[in-house]
């Protein structure tokens, strides 16, 4: 399993666990239609790990 460290790298998952020294307040952001989501920003030594893979993404391995 690789670790993504470059600007713009993304991870997707059904459940993602994150750790950071500083976390911003949640910001509501619009998604499609009535669906809303929240965004937070992790700062200072931030790290995330996928705890559950999304069901809808096809496995290419």
N, C-alpha and C. Protein backbone atom coordinates (compact mmCIF):
# COMPACT_ATOMS: atom_id res chain seq x y z
N UNK A 1 0.85 -1.16 0.00
CA UNK A 1 0.00 0.00 0.00
C UNK A 1 0.90 1.23 0.00
N UNK A 2 0.59 2.18 -0.88
CA UNK A 2 1.38 3.39 -0.98
C UNK A 2 0.89 4.49 -0.04
N UNK A 3 1.72 5.47 0.17
CA UNK A 3 1.35 6.65 0.93
C UNK A 3 1.43 7.84 -0.01
N UNK A 4 0.34 8.57 -0.15
CA UNK A 4 0.29 9.70 -1.06
C UNK A 4 0.68 10.96 -0.31
N UNK A 5 1.69 11.68 -0.82
CA UNK A 5 2.21 12.83 -0.09
C UNK A 5 2.29 14.11 -0.94
N UNK A 6 1.98 14.02 -2.23
CA UNK A 6 2.11 15.20 -3.09
C UNK A 6 0.82 16.02 -3.10
N UNK A 7 0.95 17.32 -3.34
CA UNK A 7 -0.19 18.22 -3.41
C UNK A 7 -1.16 17.74 -4.49
N UNK A 8 -2.43 17.67 -4.16
CA UNK A 8 -3.44 17.24 -5.11
C UNK A 8 -3.77 15.76 -5.05
N UNK A 9 -2.99 14.96 -4.33
CA UNK A 9 -3.30 13.54 -4.17
C UNK A 9 -4.60 13.41 -3.38
N UNK A 10 -5.45 12.46 -3.76
CA UNK A 10 -6.73 12.26 -3.10
C UNK A 10 -6.90 10.80 -2.72
N UNK A 11 -7.74 10.58 -1.71
CA UNK A 11 -8.15 9.23 -1.36
C UNK A 11 -9.67 9.22 -1.30
N UNK A 12 -10.26 8.08 -1.62
CA UNK A 12 -11.72 7.93 -1.55
C UNK A 12 -12.01 6.67 -0.77
N UNK A 13 -13.05 6.72 0.03
CA UNK A 13 -13.43 5.55 0.79
C UNK A 13 -14.80 5.73 1.42
N UNK A 14 -15.38 4.66 1.87
CA UNK A 14 -16.67 4.69 2.56
C UNK A 14 -16.48 5.26 3.97
N UNK A 15 -15.36 4.94 4.59
CA UNK A 15 -15.05 5.44 5.93
C UNK A 15 -13.55 5.75 5.96
N UNK A 16 -13.21 6.99 6.35
CA UNK A 16 -11.82 7.43 6.38
C UNK A 16 -11.52 7.99 7.76
N UNK A 17 -10.46 7.52 8.36
CA UNK A 17 -10.04 8.00 9.68
C UNK A 17 -8.89 8.97 9.49
N UNK A 18 -8.99 10.13 10.14
CA UNK A 18 -7.97 11.16 10.00
C UNK A 18 -7.44 11.58 11.36
N UNK A 19 -6.19 12.00 11.36
CA UNK A 19 -5.57 12.53 12.57
C UNK A 19 -4.80 13.78 12.18
N UNK A 20 -4.84 14.78 13.05
CA UNK A 20 -4.10 16.01 12.81
C UNK A 20 -3.96 16.77 14.13
N UNK A 21 -2.99 17.65 14.18
CA UNK A 21 -2.81 18.47 15.38
C UNK A 21 -3.86 19.58 15.44
N UNK A 22 -4.26 20.12 14.29
CA UNK A 22 -5.27 21.17 14.25
C UNK A 22 -6.34 20.82 13.23
N UNK A 23 -7.61 21.04 13.61
CA UNK A 23 -8.74 20.76 12.73
C UNK A 23 -9.63 22.00 12.69
N UNK A 24 -10.04 22.41 11.49
CA UNK A 24 -10.90 23.59 11.36
C UNK A 24 -12.33 23.26 11.77
N UNK A 25 -13.14 24.29 11.95
CA UNK A 25 -14.57 24.09 12.20
C UNK A 25 -15.22 23.54 10.93
N UNK A 26 -16.26 22.70 11.06
CA UNK A 26 -16.94 22.17 9.88
C UNK A 26 -17.60 23.29 9.06
N UNK A 27 -17.46 23.20 7.74
CA UNK A 27 -18.06 24.16 6.83
C UNK A 27 -19.07 23.41 5.96
N UNK A 28 -20.37 23.79 5.96
CA UNK A 28 -21.32 23.12 5.08
C UNK A 28 -21.04 23.48 3.63
N UNK A 29 -21.04 22.48 2.75
CA UNK A 29 -20.81 22.72 1.32
C UNK A 29 -21.94 22.05 0.54
N UNK A 30 -22.36 22.66 -0.57
CA UNK A 30 -23.43 22.07 -1.37
C UNK A 30 -22.93 20.87 -2.18
N UNK A 31 -23.76 19.89 -2.31
CA UNK A 31 -23.51 18.77 -3.22
C UNK A 31 -24.65 18.77 -4.22
N UNK A 32 -25.00 17.67 -4.80
CA UNK A 32 -26.06 17.63 -5.81
C UNK A 32 -27.43 17.78 -5.16
N UNK A 33 -28.25 18.69 -5.69
CA UNK A 33 -29.63 18.86 -5.22
C UNK A 33 -29.73 19.21 -3.76
N UNK A 34 -30.50 18.42 -3.01
CA UNK A 34 -30.72 18.67 -1.60
C UNK A 34 -29.63 18.05 -0.73
N UNK A 35 -28.74 17.30 -1.33
CA UNK A 35 -27.70 16.65 -0.55
C UNK A 35 -26.64 17.66 -0.14
N UNK A 36 -26.32 17.67 1.12
CA UNK A 36 -25.30 18.57 1.63
C UNK A 36 -24.20 17.75 2.28
N UNK A 37 -23.07 18.38 2.40
CA UNK A 37 -21.92 17.70 2.99
C UNK A 37 -21.18 18.71 3.86
N UNK A 38 -20.19 18.24 4.59
CA UNK A 38 -19.37 19.12 5.41
C UNK A 38 -17.91 18.95 5.03
N UNK A 39 -17.17 20.02 5.20
CA UNK A 39 -15.75 19.99 4.90
C UNK A 39 -14.99 20.50 6.11
N UNK A 40 -13.88 19.84 6.42
CA UNK A 40 -12.96 20.34 7.45
C UNK A 40 -11.57 20.33 6.84
N UNK A 41 -10.70 21.12 7.42
CA UNK A 41 -9.31 21.18 6.97
C UNK A 41 -8.42 20.67 8.10
N UNK A 42 -7.58 19.71 7.77
CA UNK A 42 -6.62 19.15 8.73
C UNK A 42 -5.29 19.85 8.52
N UNK A 43 -4.65 20.29 9.60
CA UNK A 43 -3.37 20.99 9.49
C UNK A 43 -2.33 20.36 10.42
N UNK A 44 -1.08 20.58 10.10
CA UNK A 44 0.06 20.16 10.93
C UNK A 44 0.12 18.64 11.13
N UNK A 45 0.89 18.00 10.30
CA UNK A 45 1.12 16.56 10.43
C UNK A 45 -0.15 15.75 10.21
N UNK A 46 -0.97 16.13 9.22
CA UNK A 46 -2.23 15.44 8.95
C UNK A 46 -1.99 14.10 8.26
N UNK A 47 -2.81 13.12 8.60
CA UNK A 47 -2.70 11.78 8.04
C UNK A 47 -4.09 11.16 7.99
N UNK A 48 -4.41 10.47 6.89
CA UNK A 48 -5.71 9.81 6.74
C UNK A 48 -5.50 8.36 6.31
N UNK A 49 -6.43 7.51 6.69
CA UNK A 49 -6.39 6.10 6.34
C UNK A 49 -7.79 5.64 6.00
N UNK A 50 -7.93 4.89 4.91
CA UNK A 50 -9.22 4.34 4.52
C UNK A 50 -9.55 3.16 5.43
N UNK A 51 -10.69 3.23 6.09
CA UNK A 51 -11.12 2.15 6.98
C UNK A 51 -12.15 1.24 6.31
N UNK A 52 -12.83 1.72 5.27
CA UNK A 52 -13.79 0.90 4.54
C UNK A 52 -13.82 1.38 3.10
N UNK A 53 -13.60 0.46 2.16
CA UNK A 53 -13.58 0.83 0.75
C UNK A 53 -14.99 1.07 0.23
N UNK A 54 -15.13 2.00 -0.74
CA UNK A 54 -16.45 2.23 -1.32
C UNK A 54 -16.88 1.03 -2.16
N UNK A 55 -18.16 0.70 -2.10
CA UNK A 55 -18.67 -0.46 -2.83
C UNK A 55 -18.78 -0.20 -4.34
N UNK A 56 -19.02 1.05 -4.72
CA UNK A 56 -19.30 1.36 -6.11
C UNK A 56 -18.06 1.50 -6.99
N UNK A 57 -16.87 1.57 -6.41
CA UNK A 57 -15.66 1.68 -7.23
C UNK A 57 -15.17 0.30 -7.64
N UNK A 58 -14.91 0.14 -8.93
CA UNK A 58 -14.45 -1.15 -9.43
C UNK A 58 -13.00 -1.36 -9.05
N UNK A 59 -12.64 -2.58 -8.74
CA UNK A 59 -11.25 -2.91 -8.40
C UNK A 59 -10.50 -3.21 -9.69
N UNK A 60 -9.37 -2.54 -9.87
CA UNK A 60 -8.59 -2.70 -11.09
C UNK A 60 -7.35 -3.56 -10.90
N UNK A 61 -7.15 -4.12 -9.73
CA UNK A 61 -5.93 -4.91 -9.45
C UNK A 61 -6.04 -6.31 -9.98
